[in-house]
């Protein structure tokens, strides 16, 4: 089974960043304010070039991929979209609330590092 799928970018997307569903089938874009949108996958880090709107883009849908860390991350911790438009991933907080999991960090790192993430989707409620 192939773990990548071709899409068309609706916005600029940097390698290693998460993308969300765009306005139509086969379209993706960077997350909206506060990390808003339905997570689709990660733009392959190996592509090594930023994609612009209306360009073809290969998205990793499952498996292990390099992702941009949006803060300090640690192996084994659940990953969520950072609450901004960067497409970076952060560790699931201890703050009470409902969160959409996008993966599990397989290695640690700091903001701006590219780290391995196992892409997996789910929802979790953190209680106080």
Protein backbone atom coordinates (compact mmCIF):
# COMPACT_ATOMS: atom_id res chain seq x y z
CA UNK A 1 0.00 0.00 0.00
CA UNK A 2 1.35 3.40 -0.95
CA UNK A 3 1.65 5.82 1.95
CA UNK A 4 1.70 8.99 -0.19
CA UNK A 5 -0.96 10.55 -2.33
CA UNK A 6 -0.85 13.44 -4.81
CA UNK A 7 -2.87 16.56 -4.04
CA UNK A 8 -2.95 20.20 -5.16
CA UNK A 9 -1.87 22.83 -2.64
CA UNK A 10 -4.29 25.70 -1.96
CA UNK A 11 -1.69 27.63 0.04
CA UNK A 12 2.06 27.68 0.57
CA UNK A 13 3.26 24.58 2.44
CA UNK A 14 6.76 23.92 3.76
CA UNK A 15 8.36 20.45 3.86
CA UNK A 16 7.63 18.51 7.04
CA UNK A 17 4.47 20.48 7.77
CA UNK A 18 0.99 19.16 8.36
CA UNK A 19 -1.79 19.88 5.90
CA UNK A 20 -5.56 19.90 6.28
CA UNK A 21 -8.40 19.25 3.86
CA UNK A 22 -8.80 22.01 1.29
CA UNK A 23 -11.97 23.45 -0.20
CA UNK A 24 -12.50 20.51 -2.59
CA UNK A 25 -11.50 16.91 -3.21
CA UNK A 26 -7.78 16.39 -3.85
CA UNK A 27 -6.86 19.79 -2.38
CA UNK A 28 -4.92 20.50 0.81
CA UNK A 29 -3.75 23.62 2.60
CA UNK A 30 -1.85 24.80 5.65
CA UNK A 31 -3.91 24.73 8.86
CA UNK A 32 -6.05 27.76 9.65
CA UNK A 33 -5.80 29.94 12.75
CA UNK A 34 -5.41 27.87 15.92
CA UNK A 35 -4.43 24.82 13.84
CA UNK A 36 -7.96 24.58 12.42
CA UNK A 37 -8.93 22.03 9.80
CA UNK A 38 -9.25 18.31 9.24
CA UNK A 39 -5.77 16.75 9.32
CA UNK A 40 -4.86 14.89 6.11
CA UNK A 41 -1.13 14.19 6.47
CA UNK A 42 2.38 15.64 6.22
CA UNK A 43 4.11 17.20 3.24
CA UNK A 44 7.14 14.99 2.66
CA UNK A 45 10.24 16.50 4.29
CA UNK A 46 12.44 14.92 1.61
CA UNK A 47 10.84 17.15 -1.03
CA UNK A 48 13.07 19.94 0.30
CA UNK A 49 11.11 22.75 -1.36
CA UNK A 50 8.18 24.88 -0.34
CA UNK A 51 5.07 24.40 -2.45
CA UNK A 52 2.99 27.36 -3.56
CA UNK A 53 -0.75 27.53 -4.18
CA UNK A 54 -1.94 25.52 -7.20
CA UNK A 55 1.20 23.31 -7.30
CA UNK A 56 1.11 19.52 -7.10
CA UNK A 57 2.14 18.24 -3.67
CA UNK A 58 2.83 14.70 -2.37
CA UNK A 59 1.30 14.08 1.08
CA UNK A 60 2.32 11.28 3.45
CA UNK A 61 -0.94 9.76 4.72
CA UNK A 62 0.34 7.09 7.11
CA UNK A 63 3.53 5.52 8.35
CA UNK A 64 6.66 7.30 9.59
CA UNK A 65 7.51 10.78 8.32
CA UNK A 66 9.66 13.74 9.35
CA UNK A 67 7.61 16.55 10.88
CA UNK A 68 8.46 20.08 11.95
CA UNK A 69 8.45 20.36 15.76
CA UNK A 70 6.61 23.43 17.02
CA UNK A 71 8.16 23.22 20.49
CA UNK A 72 10.03 20.76 22.70
CA UNK A 73 8.86 17.23 21.85
CA UNK A 74 9.69 13.81 23.27
CA UNK A 75 9.60 10.25 21.96
CA UNK A 76 6.44 8.37 22.88
CA UNK A 77 4.31 11.50 23.34
CA UNK A 78 1.16 12.07 21.28
CA UNK A 79 1.36 14.78 18.61
CA UNK A 80 -1.27 17.43 17.81
CA UNK A 81 -1.29 20.40 15.43
CA UNK A 82 0.19 23.55 16.95
CA UNK A 83 -2.49 26.20 17.52
CA UNK A 84 -1.29 28.45 14.68
CA UNK A 85 -0.94 28.33 10.89
CA UNK A 86 2.60 26.85 10.81
CA UNK A 87 1.64 23.21 10.26
CA UNK A 88 4.10 22.19 12.97
CA UNK A 89 3.36 19.57 15.63
CA UNK A 90 3.51 19.82 19.42
CA UNK A 91 3.03 17.44 22.35
CA UNK A 92 -0.52 16.81 23.57
CA UNK A 93 -0.93 19.17 26.55
CA UNK A 94 -2.13 18.32 30.05
CA UNK A 95 -4.76 21.06 29.74
CA UNK A 96 -8.33 19.79 29.92
CA UNK A 97 -10.06 19.71 26.55
CA UNK A 98 -10.75 17.70 23.41
CA UNK A 99 -7.88 17.21 20.99
CA UNK A 100 -7.31 15.58 17.60
CA UNK A 101 -4.23 13.35 17.65
CA UNK A 102 -2.19 13.32 14.43
CA UNK A 103 0.57 10.93 15.50
CA UNK A 104 3.15 9.77 18.02
CA UNK A 105 6.62 11.30 18.24
CA UNK A 106 9.31 8.66 17.70
CA UNK A 107 12.17 10.95 18.73
CA UNK A 108 12.67 14.10 20.73
CA UNK A 109 13.62 17.55 19.55
CA UNK A 110 13.17 21.30 19.91
CA UNK A 111 11.19 23.92 18.01
CA UNK A 112 12.36 24.03 14.40
CA UNK A 113 13.79 20.48 14.41
CA UNK A 114 12.54 17.82 12.02
CA UNK A 115 11.63 14.69 13.98
CA UNK A 116 10.20 11.28 13.14
CA UNK A 117 6.45 10.91 13.74
CA UNK A 118 4.24 7.86 13.29
CA UNK A 119 1.12 9.27 11.62
CA UNK A 120 -2.06 8.07 13.34
CA UNK A 121 -5.38 9.78 13.77
CA UNK A 122 -7.74 9.90 16.70
CA UNK A 123 -9.48 12.04 19.25
CA UNK A 124 -8.78 12.29 22.94
CA UNK A 125 -10.34 14.11 25.87
CA UNK A 126 -7.96 15.30 28.57
CA UNK A 127 -9.63 15.76 31.96
CA UNK A 128 -8.36 18.03 34.73
